[in-house]
Amino acid sequence: MEMQDKLKLAMAALLLAGGVVGFYLVPESQGLLRALAFVAGLALSAGALWLSAPGKALVSYAQESVAETRKVVWPERREALQLTGLVFLFVLVLALFMWLVDSGLSWFFYDLLLGRG
């Protein structure tokens, strides 16, 4: 990373910290001004980050992610409901099986072998 990018990232961090400090320096009675100080610091920080090479790479990655998400073939509502029902049924059957195994082992060890039943 070049020195310019490091300076831009440092500036973004300072602007964000300045927004947070500004939020706490403004009295509580002026809530709108407090929020505006934080939002301004956040916006200026995002602008400084966007101008750096890592920031541009992040924006490019986000755009590519959105483009890939648009390519996804989402299931129809009916299919999604059927698969959800199948998952619930599987979980129910598995829970019943595990309960039966646990009860059976408990009965075997405590009642038959140890005679504590």
PDB file of N, CA and C in Angstrom:
ATOM      1  N   MET A   1       0.851  -1.166   0.000  1.00  0.00           N
ATOM      2  CA  MET A   1       0.000   0.000   0.000  1.00  0.00           C
ATOM      3  C   MET A   1       0.899   1.231   0.000  1.00  0.00           C
ATOM      4  N   GLU A   2       0.522   2.186  -0.819  1.00  0.00           N
ATOM      5  CA  GLU A   2       1.326   3.403  -0.921  1.00  0.00           C
ATOM      6  C   GLU A   2       1.106   4.307   0.284  1.00  0.00           C
ATOM      7  N   MET A   3       2.028   5.237   0.427  1.00  0.00           N
ATOM      8  CA  MET A   3       1.968   6.160   1.556  1.00  0.00           C
ATOM      9  C   MET A   3       0.714   7.031   1.480  1.00  0.00           C
ATOM     10  N   GLN A   4       0.308   7.409   0.265  1.00  0.00           N
ATOM     11  CA  GLN A   4      -0.896   8.233   0.116  1.00  0.00           C
ATOM     12  C   GLN A   4      -2.131   7.499   0.636  1.00  0.00           C
ATOM     13  N   ASP A   5      -2.212   6.219   0.337  1.00  0.00           N
ATOM     14  CA  ASP A   5      -3.354   5.437   0.797  1.00  0.00           C
ATOM     15  C   ASP A   5      -3.352   5.295   2.315  1.00  0.00           C
ATOM     16  N   LYS A   6      -2.160   5.127   2.883  1.00  0.00           N
ATOM     17  CA  LYS A   6      -2.080   5.040   4.342  1.00  0.00           C
ATOM     18  C   LYS A   6      -2.536   6.344   4.981  1.00  0.00           C
ATOM     19  N   LEU A   7      -2.147   7.464   4.378  1.00  0.00           N
ATOM     20  CA  LEU A   7      -2.576   8.762   4.895  1.00  0.00           C
ATOM     21  C   LEU A   7      -4.087   8.936   4.755  1.00  0.00           C
ATOM     22  N   LYS A   8      -4.654   8.480   3.647  1.00  0.00           N
ATOM     23  CA  LYS A   8      -6.100   8.587   3.456  1.00  0.00           C
ATOM     24  C   LYS A   8      -6.851   7.732   4.471  1.00  0.00           C
ATOM     25  N   LEU A   9      -6.339   6.535   4.744  1.00  0.00           N
ATOM     26  CA  LEU A   9      -6.973   5.681   5.744  1.00  0.00           C
ATOM     27  C   LEU A   9      -6.864   6.287   7.143  1.00  0.00           C
ATOM     28  N   ALA A  10      -5.712   6.876   7.441  1.00  0.00           N
ATOM     29  CA  ALA A  10      -5.543   7.535   8.734  1.00  0.00           C
ATOM     30  C   ALA A  10      -6.487   8.729   8.845  1.00  0.00           C
ATOM     31  N   MET A  11      -6.633   9.472   7.748  1.00  0.00           N
ATOM     32  CA  MET A  11      -7.545  10.615   7.746  1.00  0.00           C
ATOM     33  C   MET A  11      -8.983  10.149   7.947  1.00  0.00           C
ATOM     34  N   ALA A  12      -9.353   9.039   7.319  1.00  0.00           N
ATOM     35  CA  ALA A  12     -10.700   8.502   7.488  1.00  0.00           C
ATOM     36  C   ALA A  12     -10.939   8.113   8.946  1.00  0.00           C
ATOM     37  N   ALA A  13      -9.950   7.498   9.572  1.00  0.00           N
ATOM     38  CA  ALA A  13     -10.087   7.110  10.978  1.00  0.00           C
ATOM     39  C   ALA A  13     -10.210   8.344  11.871  1.00  0.00           C
ATOM     40  N   LEU A  14      -9.414   9.369  11.578  1.00  0.00           N
ATOM     41  CA  LEU A  14      -9.486  10.605  12.371  1.00  0.00           C
ATOM     42  C   LEU A  14     -10.826  11.311  12.186  1.00  0.00           C
ATOM     43  N   LEU A  15     -11.348  11.332  10.968  1.00  0.00           N
ATOM     44  CA  LEU A  15     -12.644  11.959  10.727  1.00  0.00           C
ATOM     45  C   LEU A  15     -13.763  11.209  11.452  1.00  0.00           C
ATOM     46  N   LEU A  16     -13.687   9.895  11.449  1.00  0.00           N
ATOM     47  CA  LEU A  16     -14.685   9.107  12.168  1.00  0.00           C
ATOM     48  C   LEU A  16     -14.580   9.363  13.668  1.00  0.00           C
ATOM     49  N   ALA A  17     -13.369   9.373  14.186  1.00  0.00           N
ATOM     50  CA  ALA A  17     -13.167   9.660  15.609  1.00  0.00           C
ATOM     51  C   ALA A  17     -13.644  11.075  15.939  1.00  0.00           C
ATOM     52  N   GLY A  18     -13.410  12.016  15.021  1.00  0.00           N
ATOM     53  CA  GLY A  18     -13.884  13.384  15.223  1.00  0.00           C
ATOM     54  C   GLY A  18     -15.402  13.455  15.284  1.00  0.00           C
ATOM     55  N   GLY A  19     -16.066  12.673  14.471  1.00  0.00           N
ATOM     56  CA  GLY A  19     -17.530  12.634  14.518  1.00  0.00           C
ATOM     57  C   GLY A  19     -18.037  12.083  15.843  1.00  0.00           C
ATOM     58  N   VAL A  20     -17.376  11.041  16.346  1.00  0.00           N
ATOM     59  CA  VAL A  20     -17.782  10.468  17.632  1.00  0.00           C
ATOM     60  C   VAL A  20     -17.505  11.458  18.761  1.00  0.00           C
ATOM     61  N   VAL A  21     -16.342  12.091  18.734  1.00  0.00           N
ATOM     62  CA  VAL A  21     -16.010  13.083  19.760  1.00  0.00           C
ATOM     63  C   VAL A  21     -16.975  14.262  19.679  1.00  0.00           C
ATOM     64  N   GLY A  22     -17.288  14.708  18.458  1.00  0.00           N
ATOM     65  CA  GLY A  22     -18.254  15.794  18.290  1.00  0.00           C
ATOM     66  C   GLY A  22     -19.607  15.431  18.853  1.00  0.00           C
ATOM     67  N   PHE A  23     -20.008  14.179  18.687  1.00  0.00           N
ATOM     68  CA  PHE A  23     -21.284  13.714  19.235  1.00  0.00           C
ATOM     69  C   PHE A  23     -21.318  13.879  20.744  1.00  0.00           C
ATOM     70  N   TYR A  24     -20.225  13.532  21.406  1.00  0.00           N
ATOM     71  CA  TYR A  24     -20.205  13.599  22.862  1.00  0.00           C
ATOM     72  C   TYR A  24     -19.914  14.997  23.394  1.00  0.00           C
ATOM     73  N   LEU A  25     -19.341  15.880  22.583  1.00  0.00           N
ATOM     74  CA  LEU A  25     -19.076  17.248  23.048  1.00  0.00           C
ATOM     75  C   LEU A  25     -20.312  18.135  22.986  1.00  0.00           C
ATOM     76  N   VAL A  26     -21.225  17.827  22.086  1.00  0.00           N
ATOM     77  CA  VAL A  26     -22.451  18.625  21.971  1.00  0.00           C
ATOM     78  C   VAL A  26     -23.379  18.225  23.117  1.00  0.00           C
ATOM     79  N   PRO A  27     -23.999  19.205  23.777  1.00  0.00           N
ATOM     80  CA  PRO A  27     -24.891  18.886  24.907  1.00  0.00           C
ATOM     81  C   PRO A  27     -26.052  17.983  24.484  1.00  0.00           C
ATOM     82  N   GLU A  28     -26.545  17.203  25.442  1.00  0.00           N
ATOM     83  CA  GLU A  28     -27.631  16.264  25.157  1.00  0.00           C
ATOM     84  C   GLU A  28     -28.910  16.960  24.738  1.00  0.00           C
ATOM     85  N   SER A  29     -29.085  18.179  25.161  1.00  0.00           N
ATOM     86  CA  SER A  29     -30.316  18.895  24.825  1.00  0.00           C
ATOM     87  C   SER A  29     -30.415  19.189  23.328  1.00  0.00           C
ATOM     88  N   GLN A  30     -29.304  19.178  22.633  1.00  0.00           N
ATOM     89  CA  GLN A  30     -29.298  19.436  21.194  1.00  0.00           C
ATOM     90  C   GLN A  30     -29.075  18.123  20.444  1.00  0.00           C
ATOM     91  N   GLY A  31     -30.069  17.255  20.518  1.00  0.00           N
ATOM     92  CA  GLY A  31     -29.963  15.920  19.957  1.00  0.00           C
ATOM     93  C   GLY A  31     -29.736  15.910  18.460  1.00  0.00           C
ATOM     94  N   LEU A  32     -30.407  16.812  17.733  1.00  0.00           N
ATOM     95  CA  LEU A  32     -30.261  16.852  16.281  1.00  0.00           C
ATOM     96  C   LEU A  32     -28.835  17.241  15.894  1.00  0.00           C
ATOM     97  N   LEU A  33     -28.280  18.207  16.586  1.00  0.00           N
ATOM     98  CA  LEU A  33     -26.910  18.629  16.292  1.00  0.00           C
ATOM     99  C   LEU A  33     -25.917  17.522  16.641  1.00  0.00           C
ATOM    100  N   ARG A  34     -26.196  16.767  17.714  1.00  0.00           N
ATOM    101  CA  ARG A  34     -25.334  15.646  18.082  1.00  0.00           C
ATOM    102  C   ARG A  34     -25.324  14.598  16.975  1.00  0.00           C
ATOM    103  N   ALA A  35     -26.514  14.251  16.509  1.00  0.00           N
ATOM    104  CA  ALA A  35     -26.610  13.254  15.453  1.00  0.00           C
ATOM    105  C   ALA A  35     -25.958  13.758  14.179  1.00  0.00           C
ATOM    106  N   LEU A  36     -26.143  15.039  13.878  1.00  0.00           N
ATOM    107  CA  LEU A  36     -25.547  15.627  12.677  1.00  0.00           C
ATOM    108  C   LEU A  36     -24.022  15.592  12.749  1.00  0.00           C
ATOM    109  N   ALA A  37     -23.455  15.820  13.921  1.00  0.00           N
ATOM    110  CA  ALA A  37     -21.996  15.767  14.080  1.00  0.00           C
ATOM    111  C   ALA A  37     -21.479  14.361  13.782  1.00  0.00           C
ATOM    112  N   PHE A  38     -22.184  13.359  14.288  1.00  0.00           N
ATOM    113  CA  PHE A  38     -21.754  11.982  14.041  1.00  0.00           C
ATOM    114  C   PHE A  38     -21.923  11.607  12.572  1.00  0.00           C
ATOM    115  N   VAL A  39     -23.056  11.946  11.988  1.00  0.00           N
ATOM    116  CA  VAL A  39     -23.308  11.604  10.585  1.00  0.00           C
ATOM    117  C   VAL A  39     -22.317  12.320   9.677  1.00  0.00           C
ATOM    118  N   ALA A  40     -21.995  13.560   9.983  1.00  0.00           N
ATOM    119  CA  ALA A  40     -21.023  14.299   9.176  1.00  0.00           C
ATOM    120  C   ALA A  40     -19.644  13.636   9.267  1.00  0.00           C
ATOM    121  N   GLY A  41     -19.237  13.248  10.462  1.00  0.00           N
ATOM    122  CA  GLY A  41     -17.955  12.553  10.619  1.00  0.00           C
ATOM    123  C   GLY A  41     -17.940  11.233   9.874  1.00  0.00           C
ATOM    124  N   LEU A  42     -19.051  10.517   9.930  1.00  0.00           N
ATOM    125  CA  LEU A  42     -19.156   9.247   9.229  1.00  0.00           C
ATOM    126  C   LEU A  42     -19.105   9.446   7.719  1.00  0.00           C
ATOM    127  N   ALA A  43     -19.823  10.456   7.214  1.00  0.00           N
ATOM    128  CA  ALA A  43     -19.837  10.710   5.775  1.00  0.00           C
ATOM    129  C   ALA A  43     -18.464  11.159   5.270  1.00  0.00           C
ATOM    130  N   LEU A  44     -17.822  12.040   6.009  1.00  0.00           N
ATOM    131  CA  LEU A  44     -16.492  12.496   5.601  1.00  0.00           C
ATOM    132  C   LEU A  44     -15.485  11.343   5.656  1.00  0.00           C
ATOM    133  N   SER A  45     -15.619  10.505   6.653  1.00  0.00           N
ATOM    134  CA  SER A  45     -14.748   9.343   6.760  1.00  0.00           C
ATOM    135  C   SER A  45     -14.960   8.390   5.590  1.00  0.00           C
ATOM    136  N   ALA A  46     -16.212   8.136   5.237  1.00  0.00           N
ATOM    137  CA  ALA A  46     -16.509   7.261   4.099  1.00  0.00           C
ATOM    138  C   ALA A  46     -15.970   7.861   2.806  1.00  0.00           C
ATOM    139  N   GLY A  47     -16.056   9.189   2.667  1.00  0.00           N
ATOM    140  CA  GLY A  47     -15.512   9.846   1.475  1.00  0.00           C
ATOM    141  C   GLY A  47     -14.006   9.701   1.382  1.00  0.00           C
ATOM    142  N   ALA A  48     -13.326   9.881   2.496  1.00  0.00           N
ATOM    143  CA  ALA A  48     -11.867   9.724   2.496  1.00  0.00           C
ATOM    144  C   ALA A  48     -11.476   8.269   2.225  1.00  0.00           C
ATOM    145  N   LEU A  49     -12.229   7.339   2.771  1.00  0.00           N
ATOM    146  CA  LEU A  49     -11.964   5.926   2.526  1.00  0.00           C
ATOM    147  C   LEU A  49     -12.194   5.578   1.061  1.00  0.00           C
ATOM    148  N   TRP A  50     -13.237   6.133   0.469  1.00  0.00           N
ATOM    149  CA  TRP A  50     -13.582   5.845  -0.924  1.00  0.00           C
ATOM    150  C   TRP A  50     -12.492   6.330  -1.888  1.00  0.00           C
ATOM    151  N   LEU A  51     -11.770   7.367  -1.512  1.00  0.00           N
ATOM    152  CA  LEU A  51     -10.725   7.910  -2.383  1.00  0.00           C
ATOM    153  C   LEU A  51      -9.436   7.100  -2.333  1.00  0.00           C
ATOM    154  N   SER A  52      -9.308   6.200  -1.376  1.00  0.00           N
ATOM    155  CA  SER A  52      -8.087   5.402  -1.280  1.00  0.00           C
ATOM    156  C   SER A  52      -8.213   4.138  -2.130  1.00  0.00           C
ATOM    157  N   ALA A  53      -7.097   3.507  -2.427  1.00  0.00           N
ATOM    158  CA  ALA A  53      -7.103   2.276  -3.233  1.00  0.00           C
ATOM    159  C   ALA A  53      -7.853   1.137  -2.535  1.00  0.00           C
ATOM    160  N   PRO A  54      -7.647   0.909  -1.216  1.00  0.00           N
ATOM    161  CA  PRO A  54      -8.442  -0.140  -0.561  1.00  0.00           C
ATOM    162  C   PRO A  54      -9.937   0.163  -0.578  1.00  0.00           C
ATOM    163  N   GLY A  55     -10.287   1.432  -0.464  1.00  0.00           N
ATOM    164  CA  GLY A  55     -11.695   1.810  -0.513  1.00  0.00           C
ATOM    165  C   GLY A  55     -12.300   1.557  -1.879  1.00  0.00           C
ATOM    166  N   LYS A  56     -11.543   1.872  -2.928  1.00  0.00           N
ATOM    167  CA  LYS A  56     -12.025   1.606  -4.289  1.00  0.00           C
ATOM    168  C   LYS A  56     -12.147   0.108  -4.537  1.00  0.00           C
ATOM    169  N   ALA A  57     -11.219  -0.666  -3.988  1.00  0.00           N
ATOM    170  CA  ALA A  57     -11.291  -2.121  -4.129  1.00  0.00           C
ATOM    171  C   ALA A  57     -12.518  -2.670  -3.399  1.00  0.00           C
ATOM    172  N   LEU A  58     -12.843  -2.097  -2.246  1.00  0.00           N
ATOM    173  CA  LEU A  58     -14.022  -2.517  -1.498  1.00  0.00           C
ATOM    174  C   LEU A  58     -15.306  -2.209  -2.273  1.00  0.00           C
ATOM    175  N   VAL A  59     -15.369  -1.030  -2.877  1.00  0.00           N
ATOM    176  CA  VAL A  59     -16.540  -0.659  -3.673  1.00  0.00           C
ATOM    177  C   VAL A  59     -16.667  -1.592  -4.876  1.00  0.00           C
ATOM    178  N   SER A  60     -15.555  -1.884  -5.522  1.00  0.00           N
ATOM    179  CA  SER A  60     -15.573  -2.795  -6.663  1.00  0.00           C
ATOM    180  C   SER A  60     -16.036  -4.185  -6.238  1.00  0.00           C
ATOM    181  N   TYR A  61     -15.566  -4.654  -5.106  1.00  0.00           N
ATOM    182  CA  TYR A  61     -15.978  -5.966  -4.597  1.00  0.00           C
ATOM    183  C   TYR A  61     -17.474  -5.989  -4.304  1.00  0.00           C
ATOM    184  N   ALA A  62     -17.988  -4.910  -3.713  1.00  0.00           N
ATOM    185  CA  ALA A  62     -19.413  -4.840  -3.406  1.00  0.00           C
ATOM    186  C   ALA A  62     -20.244  -4.848  -4.687  1.00  0.00           C
ATOM    187  N   GLN A  63     -19.799  -4.129  -5.703  1.00  0.00           N
ATOM    188  CA  GLN A  63     -20.527  -4.110  -6.975  1.00  0.00           C
ATOM    189  C   GLN A  63     -20.526  -5.486  -7.626  1.00  0.00           C
ATOM    190  N   GLU A  64     -19.398  -6.165  -7.590  1.00  0.00           N
ATOM    191  CA  GLU A  64     -19.322  -7.514  -8.157  1.00  0.00           C
ATOM    192  C   GLU A  64     -20.194  -8.490  -7.367  1.00  0.00           C
ATOM    193  N   SER A  65     -20.275  -8.306  -6.052  1.00  0.00           N
ATOM    194  CA  SER A  65     -21.123  -9.169  -5.231  1.00  0.00           C
ATOM    195  C   SER A  65     -22.594  -8.984  -5.575  1.00  0.00           C
ATOM    196  N   VAL A  66     -22.998  -7.741  -5.784  1.00  0.00           N
ATOM    197  CA  VAL A  66     -24.388  -7.473  -6.167  1.00  0.00           C
ATOM    198  C   VAL A  66     -24.679  -8.083  -7.534  1.00  0.00           C
ATOM    199  N   ALA A  67     -23.741  -7.973  -8.465  1.00  0.00           N
ATOM    200  CA  ALA A  67     -23.931  -8.560  -9.792  1.00  0.00           C
ATOM    201  C   ALA A  67     -24.058 -10.074  -9.709  1.00  0.00           C
ATOM    202  N   GLU A  68     -23.264 -10.721  -8.859  1.00  0.00           N
ATOM    203  CA  GLU A  68     -23.349 -12.165  -8.700  1.00  0.00           C
ATOM    204  C   GLU A  68     -24.660 -12.574  -8.030  1.00  0.00           C
ATOM    205  N   THR A  69     -25.135 -11.757  -7.092  1.00  0.00           N
ATOM    206  CA  THR A  69     -26.389 -12.059  -6.415  1.00  0.00           C
ATOM    207  C   THR A  69     -27.555 -12.017  -7.391  1.00  0.00           C
ATOM    208  N   ARG A  70     -27.492 -11.134  -8.362  1.00  0.00           N
ATOM    209  CA  ARG A  70     -28.560 -11.050  -9.363  1.00  0.00           C
ATOM    210  C   ARG A  70     -28.593 -12.271 -10.274  1.00  0.00           C
ATOM    211  N   LYS A  71     -27.487 -12.993 -10.374  1.00  0.00           N
ATOM    212  CA  LYS A  71     -27.427 -14.181 -11.224  1.00  0.00           C
ATOM    213  C   LYS A  71     -28.035 -15.414 -10.551  1.00  0.00           C
ATOM    214  N   VAL A  72     -28.247 -15.342  -9.252  1.00  0.00           N
ATOM    215  CA  VAL A  72     -28.754 -16.489  -8.503  1.00  0.00           C
ATOM    216  C   VAL A  72     -30.191 -16.780  -8.918  1.00  0.00           C
ATOM    217  N   VAL A  73     -30.493 -18.055  -9.114  1.00  0.00           N
ATOM    218  CA  VAL A  73     -31.854 -18.472  -9.420  1.00  0.00           C
ATOM    219  C   VAL A  73     -32.508 -18.855  -8.098  1.00  0.00           C
ATOM    220  N   TRP A  74     -33.413 -18.009  -7.637  1.00  0.00           N
ATOM    221  CA  TRP A  74     -34.062 -18.234  -6.360  1.00  0.00           C
ATOM    222  C   TRP A  74     -35.226 -19.197  -6.549  1.00  0.00           C
ATOM    223  N   PRO A  75     -35.499 -20.049  -5.550  1.00  0.00           N
ATOM    224  CA  PRO A  75     -36.601 -21.011  -5.685  1.00  0.00           C
ATOM    225  C   PRO A  75     -37.958 -20.308  -5.636  1.00  0.00           C
ATOM    226  N   GLU A  76     -38.943 -20.960  -6.245  1.00  0.00           N
ATOM    227  CA  GLU A  76     -40.307 -20.448  -6.185  1.00  0.00           C
ATOM    228  C   GLU A  76     -40.819 -20.580  -4.752  1.00  0.00           C
ATOM    229  N   ARG A  77     -41.881 -19.860  -4.439  1.00  0.00           N
ATOM    230  CA  ARG A  77     -42.439 -19.890  -3.082  1.00  0.00           C
ATOM    231  C   ARG A  77     -42.861 -21.312  -2.695  1.00  0.00           C
ATOM    232  N   ARG A  78     -43.522 -22.002  -3.616  1.00  0.00           N
ATOM    233  CA  ARG A  78     -43.999 -23.356  -3.346  1.00  0.00           C
ATOM    234  C   ARG A  78     -42.829 -24.292  -3.032  1.00  0.00           C
ATOM    235  N   GLU A  79     -41.790 -24.199  -3.820  1.00  0.00           N
ATOM    236  CA  GLU A  79     -40.617 -25.046  -3.606  1.00  0.00           C
ATOM    237  C   GLU A  79     -39.932 -24.725  -2.279  1.00  0.00           C
ATOM    238  N   ALA A  80     -39.841 -23.438  -1.953  1.00  0.00           N
ATOM    239  CA  ALA A  80     -39.218 -23.047  -0.692  1.00  0.00           C
ATOM    240  C   ALA A  80     -40.022 -23.568   0.497  1.00  0.00           C
ATOM    241  N   LEU A  81     -41.352 -23.499   0.400  1.00  0.00           N
ATOM    242  CA  LEU A  81     -42.185 -24.013   1.487  1.00  0.00           C
ATOM    243  C   LEU A  81     -42.053 -25.524   1.616  1.00  0.00           C
ATOM    244  N   GLN A  82     -41.977 -26.228   0.498  1.00  0.00           N
ATOM    245  CA  GLN A  82     -41.814 -27.686   0.545  1.00  0.00           C
ATOM    246  C   GLN A  82     -40.486 -28.076   1.186  1.00  0.00           C
ATOM    247  N   LEU A  83     -39.422 -27.385   0.796  1.00  0.00           N
ATOM    248  CA  LEU A  83     -38.111 -27.702   1.371  1.00  0.00           C
ATOM    249  C   LEU A  83     -38.050 -27.351   2.855  1.00  0.00           C
ATOM    250  N   THR A  84     -38.704 -26.249   3.242  1.00  0.00           N
ATOM    251  CA  THR A  84     -38.740 -25.877   4.657  1.00  0.00           C
ATOM    252  C   THR A  84     -39.491 -26.932   5.461  1.00  0.00           C
ATOM    253  N   GLY A  85     -40.618 -27.401   4.916  1.00  0.00           N
ATOM    254  CA  GLY A  85     -41.367 -28.466   5.583  1.00  0.00           C
ATOM    255  C   GLY A  85     -40.559 -29.736   5.702  1.00  0.00           C
ATOM    256  N   LEU A  86     -39.805 -30.056   4.668  1.00  0.00           N
ATOM    257  CA  LEU A  86     -38.954 -31.250   4.694  1.00  0.00           C
ATOM    258  C   LEU A  86     -37.875 -31.136   5.771  1.00  0.00           C
ATOM    259  N   VAL A  87     -37.310 -29.958   5.906  1.00  0.00           N
ATOM    260  CA  VAL A  87     -36.289 -29.735   6.945  1.00  0.00           C
ATOM    261  C   VAL A  87     -36.914 -29.902   8.326  1.00  0.00           C
ATOM    262  N   PHE A  88     -38.091 -29.299   8.542  1.00  0.00           N
ATOM    263  CA  PHE A  88     -38.755 -29.447   9.840  1.00  0.00           C
ATOM    264  C   PHE A  88     -39.075 -30.914  10.132  1.00  0.00           C
ATOM    265  N   LEU A  89     -39.536 -31.634   9.141  1.00  0.00           N
ATOM    266  CA  LEU A  89     -39.840 -33.053   9.318  1.00  0.00           C
ATOM    267  C   LEU A  89     -38.580 -33.838   9.680  1.00  0.00           C
ATOM    268  N   PHE A  90     -37.489 -33.568   8.996  1.00  0.00           N
ATOM    269  CA  PHE A  90     -36.223 -34.242   9.284  1.00  0.00           C
ATOM    270  C   PHE A  90     -35.762 -33.943  10.712  1.00  0.00           C
ATOM    271  N   VAL A  91     -35.873 -32.676  11.125  1.00  0.00           N
ATOM    272  CA  VAL A  91     -35.462 -32.305  12.482  1.00  0.00           C
ATOM    273  C   VAL A  91     -36.334 -33.014  13.508  1.00  0.00           C
ATOM    274  N   LEU A  92     -37.631 -33.097  13.251  1.00  0.00           N
ATOM    275  CA  LEU A  92     -38.540 -33.785  14.161  1.00  0.00           C
ATOM    276  C   LEU A  92     -38.196 -35.271  14.272  1.00  0.00           C
ATOM    277  N   VAL A  93     -37.962 -35.927  13.142  1.00  0.00           N
ATOM    278  CA  VAL A  93     -37.604 -37.344  13.152  1.00  0.00           C
ATOM    279  C   VAL A  93     -36.274 -37.559  13.860  1.00  0.00           C
ATOM    280  N   LEU A  94     -35.307 -36.702  13.599  1.00  0.00           N
ATOM    281  CA  LEU A  94     -34.002 -36.834  14.257  1.00  0.00           C
ATOM    282  C   LEU A  94     -34.119 -36.618  15.763  1.00  0.00           C
ATOM    283  N   ALA A  95     -34.916 -35.632  16.180  1.00  0.00           N
ATOM    284  CA  ALA A  95     -35.109 -35.389  17.616  1.00  0.00           C
ATOM    285  C   ALA A  95     -35.782 -36.586  18.273  1.00  0.00           C
ATOM    286  N   LEU A  96     -36.774 -37.162  17.611  1.00  0.00           N
ATOM    287  CA  LEU A  96     -37.443 -38.341  18.145  1.00  0.00           C
ATOM    288  C   LEU A  96     -36.466 -39.517  18.258  1.00  0.00           C
ATOM    289  N   PHE A  97     -35.652 -39.709  17.245  1.00  0.00           N
ATOM    290  CA  PHE A  97     -34.661 -40.784  17.275  1.00  0.00           C
ATOM    291  C   PHE A  97     -33.670 -40.595  18.425  1.00  0.00           C
ATOM    292  N   MET A  98     -33.190 -39.374  18.579  1.00  0.00           N
ATOM    293  CA  MET A  98     -32.208 -39.115  19.648  1.00  0.00           C
ATOM    294  C   MET A  98     -32.849 -39.294  21.026  1.00  0.00           C
ATOM    295  N   TRP A  99     -34.124 -38.900  21.178  1.00  0.00           N
ATOM    296  CA  TRP A  99     -34.817 -39.097  22.437  1.00  0.00           C
ATOM    297  C   TRP A  99     -34.960 -40.587  22.737  1.00  0.00           C
ATOM    298  N   LEU A 100     -35.314 -41.365  21.715  1.00  0.00           N
ATOM    299  CA  LEU A 100     -35.460 -42.809  21.905  1.00  0.00           C
ATOM    300  C   LEU A 100     -34.130 -43.463  22.286  1.00  0.00           C
ATOM    301  N   VAL A 101     -33.059 -43.082  21.623  1.00  0.00           N
ATOM    302  CA  VAL A 101     -31.743 -43.642  21.946  1.00  0.00           C
ATOM    303  C   VAL A 101     -31.334 -43.249  23.358  1.00  0.00           C
ATOM    304  N   ASP A 102     -31.541 -41.994  23.723  1.00  0.00           N
ATOM    305  CA  ASP A 102     -31.189 -41.531  25.060  1.00  0.00           C
ATOM    306  C   ASP A 102     -32.009 -42.246  26.128  1.00  0.00           C
ATOM    307  N   SER A 103     -33.302 -42.378  25.894  1.00  0.00           N
ATOM    308  CA  SER A 103     -34.156 -43.080  26.855  1.00  0.00           C
ATOM    309  C   SER A 103     -33.771 -44.548  26.949  1.00  0.00           C
ATOM    310  N   GLY A 104     -33.492 -45.166  25.817  1.00  0.00           N
ATOM    311  CA  GLY A 104     -33.097 -46.568  25.826  1.00  0.00           C
ATOM    312  C   GLY A 104     -31.794 -46.795  26.560  1.00  0.00           C
ATOM    313  N   LEU A 105     -30.802 -45.959  26.313  1.00  0.00           N
ATOM    314  CA  LEU A 105     -29.522 -46.105  27.018  1.00  0.00           C
ATOM    315  C   LEU A 105     -29.676 -45.820  28.502  1.00  0.00           C
ATOM    316  N   SER A 106     -30.484 -44.814  28.832  1.00  0.00           N
ATOM    317  CA  SER A 106     -30.722 -44.495  30.235  1.00  0.00           C
ATOM    318  C   SER A 106     -31.382 -45.677  30.932  1.00  0.00           C
ATOM    319  N   TRP A 107     -32.385 -46.256  30.313  1.00  0.00           N
ATOM    320  CA  TRP A 107     -33.065 -47.424  30.886  1.00  0.00           C
ATOM    321  C   TRP A 107     -32.084 -48.591  31.029  1.00  0.00           C
ATOM    322  N   PHE A 108     -31.277 -48.803  29.990  1.00  0.00           N
ATOM    323  CA  PHE A 108     -30.336 -49.931  30.016  1.00  0.00           C
ATOM    324  C   PHE A 108     -29.323 -49.782  31.150  1.00  0.00           C
ATOM    325  N   PHE A 109     -28.709 -48.605  31.253  1.00  0.00           N
ATOM    326  CA  PHE A 109     -27.648 -48.437  32.247  1.00  0.00           C
ATOM    327  C   PHE A 109     -28.195 -48.295  33.663  1.00  0.00           C
ATOM    328  N   TYR A 110     -29.221 -47.454  33.859  1.00  0.00           N
ATOM    329  CA  TYR A 110     -29.691 -47.190  35.205  1.00  0.00           C
ATOM    330  C   TYR A 110     -30.612 -48.284  35.736  1.00  0.00           C
ATOM    331  N   ASP A 111     -31.478 -48.801  34.906  1.00  0.00           N
ATOM    332  CA  ASP A 111     -32.440 -49.794  35.402  1.00  0.00           C
ATOM    333  C   ASP A 111     -31.882 -51.208  35.380  1.00  0.00           C
ATOM    334  N   LEU A 112     -31.308 -51.606  34.251  1.00  0.00           N
ATOM    335  CA  LEU A 112     -30.847 -52.998  34.135  1.00  0.00           C
ATOM    336  C   LEU A 112     -29.503 -53.227  34.792  1.00  0.00           C
ATOM    337  N   LEU A 113     -28.497 -52.453  34.433  1.00  0.00           N
ATOM    338  CA  LEU A 113     -27.149 -52.724  34.954  1.00  0.00           C
ATOM    339  C   LEU A 113     -26.971 -52.269  36.409  1.00  0.00           C
ATOM    340  N   LEU A 114     -27.421 -51.090  36.742  1.00  0.00           N
ATOM    341  CA  LEU A 114     -27.179 -50.567  38.082  1.00  0.00           C
ATOM    342  C   LEU A 114     -28.328 -50.819  39.050  1.00  0.00           C
ATOM    343  N   GLY A 115     -29.500 -51.116  38.539  1.00  0.00           N
ATOM    344  CA  GLY A 115     -30.651 -51.406  39.383  1.00  0.00           C
ATOM    345  C   GLY A 115     -31.126 -50.226  40.202  1.00  0.00           C
ATOM    346  N   ARG A 116     -30.960 -48.994  39.695  1.00  0.00           N
ATOM    347  CA  ARG A 116     -31.373 -47.796  40.424  1.00  0.00           C
ATOM    348  C   ARG A 116     -32.780 -47.345  40.050  1.00  0.00           C
ATOM    349  N   GLY A 117     -33.449 -48.031  39.186  1.00  0.00           N
ATOM    350  CA  GLY A 117     -34.742 -47.607  38.666  1.00  0.00           C
ATOM    351  C   GLY A 117     -35.783 -47.546  39.683  1.00  0.00           C
TER     352      GLY A 117
END
